[in-house]
Amino acid sequence: MAGDVTSLLAAWRGGDPDARDRLVAIVYPELHALADRQLRGERGDHTLQPTALVNEAYLRLSGLDRIGWQDRAHFVRMAARVMREILVDHARRRNAAKRDGGQRVTLTGLDLPDDRRDLDVVALDEALTRLAQIDPDKARLVELRYFGGLGIEETAEALGTSPATVKRHWQATRAWLFDALSADD
């Protein structure tokens, strides 16, 4: 399947108008599963559903006609980033409407070392922006693991590294995020 995705991305990049639709038929179930995992940990009254998240991500990705898609891993990285942007935009709109300080999300994927698993998605985005300035690779790791819902093996493939390296960096990054988010409180 990875070969099919890579060839379809190349065809899309080359101007084949049908390649994008064939690509969606292949990756839509995977993107929907990622969105479902992402939203499963959110509050019960969350207004954004997995299908809506995937559809919005697809619309944003399909508008990137000029991007130089490299392979399936590149596509997954971009999808995870777009899902993050959508969730943050959604939280900001909700916060603007409520003016009460915020939407809370559960960070079960981050396995925070204490019982405090809820935090503001906007605060997480700000922490990731700071992390990206310090270490862009670790920020991508969080996007893939948390926002993209990828496992260790899938993340290693997407980043072009070993699972052992992903595990090591994931542990360090979780600790950094815990400190950064605790300092924001």
N, C-alpha and C. Protein backbone atom coordinates (compact mmCIF):
# COMPACT_ATOMS: atom_id res chain seq x y z
N MET A 1 0.81 -1.20 0.00
CA MET A 1 0.00 0.00 0.00
C MET A 1 0.86 1.26 0.00
N ALA A 2 1.98 1.25 0.71
CA ALA A 2 2.83 2.44 0.75
C ALA A 2 3.32 2.80 -0.64
N GLY A 3 3.62 1.79 -1.46
CA GLY A 3 4.04 2.03 -2.84
C GLY A 3 2.93 2.65 -3.66
N ASP A 4 1.69 2.19 -3.45
CA ASP A 4 0.55 2.78 -4.16
C ASP A 4 0.39 4.24 -3.79
N VAL A 5 0.50 4.53 -2.51
CA VAL A 5 0.34 5.91 -2.04
C VAL A 5 1.43 6.79 -2.63
N THR A 6 2.66 6.31 -2.61
CA THR A 6 3.77 7.08 -3.14
C THR A 6 3.58 7.36 -4.63
N SER A 7 3.16 6.35 -5.39
CA SER A 7 2.97 6.55 -6.83
C SER A 7 1.80 7.49 -7.11
N LEU A 8 0.74 7.40 -6.31
CA LEU A 8 -0.39 8.31 -6.48
C LEU A 8 -0.01 9.74 -6.11
N LEU A 9 0.81 9.90 -5.08
CA LEU A 9 1.28 11.24 -4.72
C LEU A 9 2.11 11.83 -5.86
N ALA A 10 2.96 11.00 -6.46
CA ALA A 10 3.76 11.46 -7.59
C ALA A 10 2.87 11.84 -8.77
N ALA A 11 1.84 11.04 -9.02
CA ALA A 11 0.91 11.34 -10.12
C ALA A 11 0.15 12.63 -9.83
N TRP A 12 -0.27 12.82 -8.59
CA TRP A 12 -0.97 14.05 -8.20
C TRP A 12 -0.05 15.25 -8.41
N ARG A 13 1.20 15.12 -7.96
CA ARG A 13 2.18 16.18 -8.13
C ARG A 13 2.42 16.46 -9.60
N GLY A 14 2.32 15.41 -10.43
CA GLY A 14 2.53 15.55 -11.87
C GLY A 14 1.34 16.12 -12.61
N GLY A 15 0.24 16.35 -11.91
CA GLY A 15 -0.91 16.98 -12.54
C GLY A 15 -2.05 16.05 -12.91
N ASP A 16 -1.97 14.78 -12.52
CA ASP A 16 -3.06 13.83 -12.80
C ASP A 16 -4.24 14.16 -11.90
N PRO A 17 -5.35 14.65 -12.48
CA PRO A 17 -6.48 15.07 -11.66
C PRO A 17 -7.19 13.91 -10.95
N ASP A 18 -7.07 12.70 -11.46
CA ASP A 18 -7.73 11.55 -10.84
C ASP A 18 -6.90 10.94 -9.71
N ALA A 19 -5.60 11.25 -9.67
CA ALA A 19 -4.72 10.64 -8.67
C ALA A 19 -5.14 11.01 -7.26
N ARG A 20 -5.55 12.26 -7.06
CA ARG A 20 -5.96 12.70 -5.73
C ARG A 20 -7.16 11.90 -5.24
N ASP A 21 -8.14 11.68 -6.11
CA ASP A 21 -9.32 10.92 -5.72
C ASP A 21 -8.99 9.46 -5.43
N ARG A 22 -8.11 8.87 -6.22
CA ARG A 22 -7.69 7.48 -5.97
C ARG A 22 -6.91 7.39 -4.67
N LEU A 23 -6.10 8.43 -4.41
CA LEU A 23 -5.33 8.48 -3.16
C LEU A 23 -6.27 8.52 -1.96
N VAL A 24 -7.30 9.34 -2.04
CA VAL A 24 -8.25 9.46 -0.93
C VAL A 24 -8.92 8.12 -0.66
N ALA A 25 -9.26 7.39 -1.70
CA ALA A 25 -9.90 6.08 -1.51
C ALA A 25 -9.01 5.14 -0.71
N ILE A 26 -7.71 5.28 -0.85
CA ILE A 26 -6.77 4.41 -0.14
C ILE A 26 -6.53 4.90 1.29
N VAL A 27 -6.30 6.21 1.47
CA VAL A 27 -5.89 6.71 2.78
C VAL A 27 -7.05 7.16 3.67
N TYR A 28 -8.24 7.34 3.12
CA TYR A 28 -9.36 7.81 3.93
C TYR A 28 -9.62 6.94 5.15
N PRO A 29 -9.68 5.61 5.00
CA PRO A 29 -9.91 4.79 6.21
C PRO A 29 -8.84 4.98 7.28
N GLU A 30 -7.60 5.13 6.87
CA GLU A 30 -6.51 5.34 7.83
C GLU A 30 -6.65 6.70 8.51
N LEU A 31 -6.96 7.73 7.73
CA LEU A 31 -7.14 9.07 8.30
C LEU A 31 -8.33 9.10 9.24
N HIS A 32 -9.40 8.39 8.89
CA HIS A 32 -10.59 8.35 9.75
C HIS A 32 -10.25 7.66 11.07
N ALA A 33 -9.48 6.58 11.00
CA ALA A 33 -9.07 5.88 12.23
C ALA A 33 -8.21 6.80 13.10
N LEU A 34 -7.32 7.57 12.48
CA LEU A 34 -6.49 8.51 13.24
C LEU A 34 -7.35 9.57 13.91
N ALA A 35 -8.31 10.10 13.17
CA ALA A 35 -9.20 11.13 13.72
C ALA A 35 -10.05 10.55 14.85
N ASP A 36 -10.52 9.33 14.68
CA ASP A 36 -11.32 8.68 15.71
C ASP A 36 -10.51 8.51 16.99
N ARG A 37 -9.26 8.05 16.87
CA ARG A 37 -8.40 7.90 18.05
C ARG A 37 -8.14 9.25 18.70
N GLN A 38 -7.92 10.26 17.87
CA GLN A 38 -7.65 11.59 18.40
C GLN A 38 -8.84 12.13 19.18
N LEU A 39 -10.02 12.00 18.64
CA LEU A 39 -11.20 12.58 19.27
C LEU A 39 -11.77 11.71 20.39
N ARG A 40 -11.40 10.46 20.46
CA ARG A 40 -11.90 9.57 21.51
C ARG A 40 -11.53 10.08 22.90
N GLY A 41 -10.40 10.72 23.04
CA GLY A 41 -9.95 11.21 24.35
C GLY A 41 -10.48 12.59 24.70
N GLU A 42 -11.24 13.20 23.80
CA GLU A 42 -11.76 14.54 24.05
C GLU A 42 -13.00 14.47 24.94
N ARG A 43 -13.46 15.64 25.36
CA ARG A 43 -14.64 15.70 26.19
C ARG A 43 -15.85 15.13 25.45
N GLY A 44 -16.84 14.66 26.18
CA GLY A 44 -18.00 14.00 25.59
C GLY A 44 -18.87 14.88 24.72
N ASP A 45 -18.90 16.17 25.00
CA ASP A 45 -19.76 17.06 24.22
C ASP A 45 -19.01 17.77 23.10
N HIS A 46 -17.88 17.23 22.70
CA HIS A 46 -17.09 17.84 21.63
C HIS A 46 -17.93 17.89 20.36
N THR A 47 -17.95 19.04 19.70
CA THR A 47 -18.79 19.20 18.51
C THR A 47 -18.13 18.72 17.23
N LEU A 48 -16.86 18.48 17.25
CA LEU A 48 -16.15 18.01 16.07
C LEU A 48 -16.11 16.48 16.09
N GLN A 49 -16.60 15.88 15.03
CA GLN A 49 -16.64 14.42 14.91
C GLN A 49 -15.51 13.94 14.00
N PRO A 50 -15.10 12.66 14.10
CA PRO A 50 -14.01 12.16 13.27
C PRO A 50 -14.21 12.40 11.78
N THR A 51 -15.40 12.17 11.27
CA THR A 51 -15.64 12.35 9.84
C THR A 51 -15.44 13.82 9.45
N ALA A 52 -15.92 14.73 10.29
CA ALA A 52 -15.74 16.15 10.01
C ALA A 52 -14.26 16.53 10.05
N LEU A 53 -13.52 15.98 11.00
CA LEU A 53 -12.09 16.26 11.10
C LEU A 53 -11.35 15.76 9.85
N VAL A 54 -11.67 14.55 9.42
CA VAL A 54 -11.03 14.00 8.21
C VAL A 54 -11.41 14.81 6.98
N ASN A 55 -12.68 15.15 6.86
CA ASN A 55 -13.12 15.92 5.70
C ASN A 55 -12.44 17.28 5.63
N GLU A 56 -12.35 17.94 6.78
CA GLU A 56 -11.67 19.24 6.82
C GLU A 56 -10.18 19.07 6.48
N ALA A 57 -9.56 18.02 7.03
CA ALA A 57 -8.15 17.76 6.72
C ALA A 57 -7.98 17.50 5.23
N TYR A 58 -8.88 16.71 4.65
CA TYR A 58 -8.81 16.42 3.22
C TYR A 58 -8.93 17.70 2.40
N LEU A 59 -9.87 18.57 2.77
CA LEU A 59 -10.04 19.82 2.02
C LEU A 59 -8.78 20.67 2.08
N ARG A 60 -8.17 20.73 3.26
CA ARG A 60 -6.94 21.52 3.38
C ARG A 60 -5.79 20.88 2.61
N LEU A 61 -5.68 19.55 2.71
CA LEU A 61 -4.60 18.86 1.99
C LEU A 61 -4.79 18.95 0.48
N SER A 62 -6.02 18.84 0.03
CA SER A 62 -6.26 18.88 -1.41
C SER A 62 -6.00 20.26 -1.99
N GLY A 63 -6.01 21.27 -1.14
CA GLY A 63 -5.67 22.62 -1.59
C GLY A 63 -4.18 22.84 -1.73
N LEU A 64 -3.39 21.84 -1.37
CA LEU A 64 -1.93 21.95 -1.45
C LEU A 64 -1.40 21.33 -2.74
N ASP A 65 -1.98 21.72 -3.86
CA ASP A 65 -1.61 21.13 -5.14
C ASP A 65 -0.14 21.31 -5.49
N ARG A 66 0.46 22.35 -5.00
CA ARG A 66 1.85 22.64 -5.38
C ARG A 66 2.88 22.02 -4.45
N ILE A 67 2.42 21.30 -3.46
CA ILE A 67 3.38 20.69 -2.53
C ILE A 67 4.12 19.55 -3.22
N GLY A 68 5.38 19.41 -2.93
CA GLY A 68 6.19 18.34 -3.52
C GLY A 68 6.09 17.06 -2.71
N TRP A 69 4.93 16.38 -2.80
CA TRP A 69 4.73 15.15 -2.04
C TRP A 69 5.87 14.19 -2.33
N GLN A 70 6.46 13.65 -1.27
CA GLN A 70 7.59 12.75 -1.44
C GLN A 70 7.16 11.29 -1.37
N ASP A 71 6.39 10.95 -0.34
CA ASP A 71 5.99 9.55 -0.13
C ASP A 71 4.87 9.50 0.89
N ARG A 72 4.44 8.29 1.23
CA ARG A 72 3.36 8.10 2.19
C ARG A 72 3.69 8.75 3.53
N ALA A 73 4.93 8.60 3.99
CA ALA A 73 5.34 9.16 5.28
C ALA A 73 5.18 10.68 5.28
N HIS A 74 5.55 11.32 4.19
CA HIS A 74 5.40 12.77 4.07
C HIS A 74 3.92 13.15 4.13
N PHE A 75 3.08 12.39 3.46
CA PHE A 75 1.64 12.65 3.48
C PHE A 75 1.08 12.51 4.89
N VAL A 76 1.49 11.46 5.60
CA VAL A 76 1.01 11.25 6.97
C VAL A 76 1.47 12.38 7.88
N ARG A 77 2.71 12.82 7.73
CA ARG A 77 3.20 13.95 8.54
C ARG A 77 2.35 15.20 8.30
N MET A 78 2.06 15.45 7.04
CA MET A 78 1.25 16.63 6.71
C MET A 78 -0.17 16.49 7.23
N ALA A 79 -0.74 15.29 7.13
CA ALA A 79 -2.10 15.07 7.64
C ALA A 79 -2.15 15.29 9.15
N ALA A 80 -1.14 14.81 9.87
CA ALA A 80 -1.09 15.02 11.32
C ALA A 80 -0.99 16.50 11.64
N ARG A 81 -0.18 17.23 10.89
CA ARG A 81 -0.04 18.66 11.13
C ARG A 81 -1.35 19.39 10.85
N VAL A 82 -2.02 19.02 9.77
CA VAL A 82 -3.28 19.66 9.42
C VAL A 82 -4.34 19.36 10.49
N MET A 83 -4.39 18.12 10.98
CA MET A 83 -5.36 17.79 12.04
C MET A 83 -5.08 18.62 13.29
N ARG A 84 -3.82 18.81 13.61
CA ARG A 84 -3.46 19.65 14.76
C ARG A 84 -3.99 21.06 14.54
N GLU A 85 -3.75 21.62 13.35
CA GLU A 85 -4.22 22.98 13.06
C GLU A 85 -5.73 23.09 13.17
N ILE A 86 -6.44 22.08 12.69
CA ILE A 86 -7.90 22.09 12.74
C ILE A 86 -8.38 22.08 14.19
N LEU A 87 -7.80 21.21 15.01
CA LEU A 87 -8.21 21.12 16.41
C LEU A 87 -7.90 22.42 17.16
N VAL A 88 -6.75 23.01 16.88
CA VAL A 88 -6.39 24.27 17.54
C VAL A 88 -7.32 25.38 17.08
N ASP A 89 -7.60 25.45 15.77
CA ASP A 89 -8.53 26.47 15.27
C ASP A 89 -9.91 26.30 15.91
N HIS A 90 -10.34 25.06 16.01
CA HIS A 90 -11.64 24.76 16.63
C HIS A 90 -11.66 25.22 18.09
N ALA A 91 -10.58 24.94 18.81
CA ALA A 91 -10.49 25.35 20.22
C ALA A 91 -10.48 26.86 20.35
N ARG A 92 -9.75 27.53 19.48
CA ARG A 92 -9.69 28.99 19.55
C ARG A 92 -11.06 29.62 19.27
N ARG A 93 -11.78 29.08 18.27
CA ARG A 93 -13.12 29.60 17.99
C ARG A 93 -14.04 29.37 19.19
N ARG A 94 -13.94 28.19 19.79
CA ARG A 94 -14.77 27.89 20.95
C ARG A 94 -14.41 28.80 22.12
N ASN A 95 -13.12 28.99 22.34
CA ASN A 95 -12.68 29.87 23.43
C ASN A 95 -13.14 31.31 23.20
N ALA A 96 -13.09 31.76 21.97
CA ALA A 96 -13.53 33.12 21.66
C ALA A 96 -15.02 33.26 21.94
N ALA A 97 -15.77 32.22 21.65
CA ALA A 97 -17.22 32.26 21.89
C ALA A 97 -17.53 32.17 23.38
N LYS A 98 -16.80 31.36 24.12
CA LYS A 98 -17.08 31.15 25.54
C LYS A 98 -16.43 32.20 26.43
N ARG A 99 -15.22 32.63 26.06
CA ARG A 99 -14.45 33.58 26.86
C ARG A 99 -14.25 33.12 28.30
N ASP A 100 -14.14 31.79 28.47
CA ASP A 100 -13.97 31.31 29.84
C ASP A 100 -12.66 30.56 30.03
N GLY A 101 -11.76 30.65 29.07
CA GLY A 101 -10.47 30.04 29.24
C GLY A 101 -10.37 28.62 28.77
N GLY A 102 -11.43 28.07 28.24
CA GLY A 102 -11.10 27.01 27.43
C GLY A 102 -11.53 25.63 27.29
N GLN A 103 -11.25 25.19 26.12
CA GLN A 103 -11.50 23.81 25.75
C GLN A 103 -10.42 22.93 26.36
N ARG A 104 -10.84 21.82 26.88
CA ARG A 104 -9.91 20.89 27.49
C ARG A 104 -9.83 19.64 26.64
N VAL A 105 -8.66 19.08 26.53
CA VAL A 105 -8.47 17.81 25.82
C VAL A 105 -7.73 16.86 26.72
N THR A 106 -7.93 15.58 26.51
CA THR A 106 -7.25 14.58 27.31
C THR A 106 -6.00 14.13 26.57
N LEU A 107 -4.89 14.13 27.25
CA LEU A 107 -3.63 13.78 26.61
C LEU A 107 -3.21 12.36 26.98
N THR A 108 -4.10 11.42 26.76
CA THR A 108 -3.76 10.04 27.09
C THR A 108 -2.58 9.57 26.26
N GLY A 109 -2.43 10.06 25.06
CA GLY A 109 -1.31 9.67 24.22
C GLY A 109 0.02 10.17 24.72
N LEU A 110 0.00 11.17 25.59
CA LEU A 110 1.24 11.71 26.12
C LEU A 110 1.65 11.05 27.42
N ASP A 111 0.75 10.29 28.03
CA ASP A 111 1.07 9.58 29.26
C ASP A 111 1.78 10.49 30.26
N LEU A 112 1.13 11.57 30.62
CA LEU A 112 1.72 12.50 31.57
C LEU A 112 1.95 11.79 32.91
N PRO A 113 3.03 12.11 33.59
CA PRO A 113 3.41 11.37 34.78
C PRO A 113 2.55 11.61 36.01
N ASP A 114 1.54 12.47 35.95
CA ASP A 114 0.67 12.63 37.10
C ASP A 114 -0.78 12.40 36.68
N ASP A 115 -1.70 12.64 37.58
CA ASP A 115 -3.10 12.39 37.28
C ASP A 115 -3.74 13.53 36.50
N ARG A 116 -3.03 14.59 36.29
CA ARG A 116 -3.57 15.73 35.56
C ARG A 116 -3.41 15.52 34.07
N ARG A 117 -4.43 15.00 33.41
CA ARG A 117 -4.32 14.68 31.99
C ARG A 117 -5.06 15.68 31.10
N ASP A 118 -5.83 16.59 31.68
CA ASP A 118 -6.57 17.56 30.89
C ASP A 118 -5.78 18.86 30.81
N LEU A 119 -5.73 19.42 29.61
CA LEU A 119 -5.15 20.73 29.46
C LEU A 119 -5.71 21.41 28.23
N ASP A 120 -5.46 22.66 28.12
CA ASP A 120 -5.96 23.48 27.02
C ASP A 120 -5.20 23.12 25.74
N VAL A 121 -5.94 22.83 24.67
CA VAL A 121 -5.31 22.47 23.40
C VAL A 121 -4.51 23.64 22.84
N VAL A 122 -4.94 24.86 23.13
CA VAL A 122 -4.19 26.04 22.67
C VAL A 122 -2.85 26.11 23.41
N ALA A 123 -2.84 25.80 24.70
CA ALA A 123 -1.58 25.78 25.46
C ALA A 123 -0.64 24.71 24.90
N LEU A 124 -1.20 23.56 24.54
CA LEU A 124 -0.39 22.51 23.92
C LEU A 124 0.21 23.00 22.61
N ASP A 125 -0.59 23.66 21.79
CA ASP A 125 -0.10 24.19 20.52
C ASP A 125 1.03 25.20 20.75
N GLU A 126 0.87 26.06 21.74
CA GLU A 126 1.92 27.04 22.04
C GLU A 126 3.19 26.36 22.51
N ALA A 127 3.04 25.32 23.33
CA ALA A 127 4.22 24.56 23.79
C ALA A 127 4.91 23.88 22.61
N LEU A 128 4.12 23.33 21.69
CA LEU A 128 4.71 22.67 20.51
C LEU A 128 5.40 23.68 19.60
N THR A 129 4.87 24.88 19.53
CA THR A 129 5.53 25.92 18.74
C THR A 129 6.88 26.26 19.34
N ARG A 130 6.93 26.36 20.68
CA ARG A 130 8.23 26.60 21.35
C ARG A 130 9.18 25.43 21.13
N LEU A 131 8.65 24.21 21.24
CA LEU A 131 9.48 23.02 21.02
C LEU A 131 10.03 22.98 19.60
N ALA A 132 9.22 23.38 18.63
CA ALA A 132 9.66 23.37 17.23
C ALA A 132 10.83 24.33 17.02
N GLN A 133 10.89 25.41 17.79
CA GLN A 133 12.01 26.34 17.69
C GLN A 133 13.29 25.73 18.26
N ILE A 134 13.12 24.89 19.27
CA ILE A 134 14.26 24.26 19.91
C ILE A 134 14.68 23.00 19.16
N ASP A 135 13.69 22.16 18.83
CA ASP A 135 13.95 20.87 18.20
C ASP A 135 12.77 20.49 17.30
N PRO A 136 12.82 20.88 16.03
CA PRO A 136 11.71 20.61 15.11
C PRO A 136 11.37 19.12 14.98
N ASP A 137 12.36 18.26 15.07
CA ASP A 137 12.10 16.81 14.96
C ASP A 137 11.22 16.30 16.10
N LYS A 138 11.46 16.80 17.29
CA LYS A 138 10.66 16.35 18.43
C LYS A 138 9.23 16.92 18.35
N ALA A 139 9.09 18.11 17.81
CA ALA A 139 7.74 18.67 17.61
C ALA A 139 6.97 17.83 16.58
N ARG A 140 7.64 17.40 15.52
CA ARG A 140 7.00 16.52 14.53
C ARG A 140 6.62 15.19 15.17
N LEU A 141 7.47 14.71 16.06
CA LEU A 141 7.19 13.46 16.77
C LEU A 141 5.87 13.57 17.53
N VAL A 142 5.66 14.68 18.24
CA VAL A 142 4.41 14.87 18.98
C VAL A 142 3.23 14.97 18.02
N GLU A 143 3.41 15.69 16.92
CA GLU A 143 2.32 15.78 15.94
C GLU A 143 1.91 14.40 15.44
N LEU A 144 2.88 13.57 15.15
CA LEU A 144 2.58 12.24 14.63
C LEU A 144 1.98 11.33 15.69
N ARG A 145 2.56 11.34 16.88
CA ARG A 145 2.09 10.44 17.94
C ARG A 145 0.76 10.90 18.52
N TYR A 146 0.66 12.19 18.86
CA TYR A 146 -0.55 12.66 19.53
C TYR A 146 -1.63 13.06 18.53
N PHE A 147 -1.32 13.99 17.65
CA PHE A 147 -2.34 14.48 16.72
C PHE A 147 -2.59 13.48 15.60
N GLY A 148 -1.55 12.78 15.16
CA GLY A 148 -1.73 11.79 14.10
C GLY A 148 -2.12 10.42 14.61
N GLY A 149 -1.95 10.18 15.91
CA GLY A 149 -2.34 8.91 16.50
C GLY A 149 -1.48 7.72 16.08
N LEU A 150 -0.28 7.97 15.59
CA LEU A 150 0.57 6.88 15.12
C LEU A 150 1.27 6.18 16.29
N GLY A 151 1.51 4.90 16.10
CA GLY A 151 2.27 4.12 17.06
C GLY A 151 3.77 4.33 16.86
N ILE A 152 4.55 3.66 17.66
CA ILE A 152 6.02 3.79 17.60
C ILE A 152 6.55 3.41 16.22
N GLU A 153 6.14 2.24 15.72
CA GLU A 153 6.63 1.75 14.42
C GLU A 153 6.23 2.70 13.29
N GLU A 154 4.96 3.13 13.30
CA GLU A 154 4.48 4.02 12.24
C GLU A 154 5.20 5.37 12.30
N THR A 155 5.44 5.85 13.50
CA THR A 155 6.14 7.13 13.66
C THR A 155 7.58 7.00 13.16
N ALA A 156 8.23 5.89 13.49
CA ALA A 156 9.60 5.67 13.01
C ALA A 156 9.64 5.67 11.49
N GLU A 157 8.66 5.02 10.86
CA GLU A 157 8.60 5.00 9.40
C GLU A 157 8.39 6.40 8.84
N ALA A 158 7.46 7.15 9.44
CA ALA A 158 7.16 8.49 8.96
C ALA A 158 8.34 9.44 9.12
N LEU A 159 9.14 9.24 10.18
CA LEU A 159 10.29 10.12 10.43
C LEU A 159 11.58 9.58 9.81
N GLY A 160 11.53 8.36 9.29
CA GLY A 160 12.73 7.78 8.69
C GLY A 160 13.80 7.47 9.71
N THR A 161 13.37 6.95 10.87
CA THR A 161 14.31 6.62 11.94
C THR A 161 13.93 5.27 12.54
N SER A 162 14.65 4.86 13.54
CA SER A 162 14.37 3.56 14.15
C SER A 162 13.34 3.67 15.26
N PRO A 163 12.62 2.58 15.54
CA PRO A 163 11.68 2.59 16.66
C PRO A 163 12.37 2.89 18.00
N ALA A 164 13.59 2.42 18.19
CA ALA A 164 14.31 2.69 19.43
C ALA A 164 14.56 4.19 19.61
N THR A 165 14.91 4.86 18.52
CA THR A 165 15.12 6.30 18.58
C THR A 165 13.81 7.02 18.90
N VAL A 166 12.72 6.58 18.28
CA VAL A 166 11.41 7.19 18.54
C VAL A 166 11.05 7.03 20.02
N LYS A 167 11.24 5.84 20.57
CA LYS A 167 10.93 5.61 21.98
C LYS A 167 11.74 6.53 22.88
N ARG A 168 13.03 6.64 22.59
CA ARG A 168 13.93 7.47 23.40
C ARG A 168 13.51 8.94 23.31
N HIS A 169 13.27 9.42 22.10
CA HIS A 169 12.87 10.81 21.92
C HIS A 169 11.49 11.09 22.48
N TRP A 170 10.59 10.10 22.38
CA TRP A 170 9.23 10.25 22.91
C TRP A 170 9.28 10.44 24.42
N GLN A 171 10.12 9.66 25.10
CA GLN A 171 10.24 9.78 26.54
C GLN A 171 10.76 11.17 26.93
N ALA A 172 11.79 11.63 26.25
CA ALA A 172 12.35 12.94 26.55
C ALA A 172 11.36 14.06 26.22
N THR A 173 10.65 13.91 25.12
CA THR A 173 9.71 14.94 24.69
C THR A 173 8.52 15.03 25.64
N ARG A 174 8.02 13.90 26.11
CA ARG A 174 6.92 13.92 27.09
C ARG A 174 7.34 14.67 28.34
N ALA A 175 8.56 14.43 28.80
CA ALA A 175 9.06 15.12 30.00
C ALA A 175 9.17 16.62 29.74
N TRP A 176 9.68 17.00 28.56
CA TRP A 176 9.80 18.42 28.23
C TRP A 176 8.41 19.06 28.19
N LEU A 177 7.45 18.40 27.55
CA LEU A 177 6.09 18.95 27.46
C LEU A 177 5.45 19.07 28.85
N PHE A 178 5.65 18.08 29.67
CA PHE A 178 5.10 18.14 31.03
C PHE A 178 5.63 19.37 31.75
N ASP A 179 6.94 19.59 31.67
CA ASP A 179 7.54 20.78 32.30
C ASP A 179 7.00 22.06 31.70
N ALA A 180 6.93 22.12 30.37
CA ALA A 180 6.47 23.33 29.69
C ALA A 180 5.02 23.63 30.01
N LEU A 181 4.19 22.61 30.04
CA LEU A 181 2.77 22.83 30.31
C LEU A 181 2.53 23.11 31.79
N SER A 182 3.33 22.54 32.66
CA SER A 182 3.21 22.83 34.09
C SER A 182 3.60 24.26 34.38
N ALA A 183 4.62 24.74 33.68
CA ALA A 183 5.08 26.13 33.86
C ALA A 183 4.01 27.12 33.38
N ASP A 184 3.21 26.71 32.37
CA ASP A 184 2.15 27.58 31.85
C ASP A 184 1.02 27.74 32.84
N ASP A 185 0.84 26.76 33.75
CA ASP A 185 -0.22 26.84 34.75
C ASP A 185 0.11 27.94 35.72
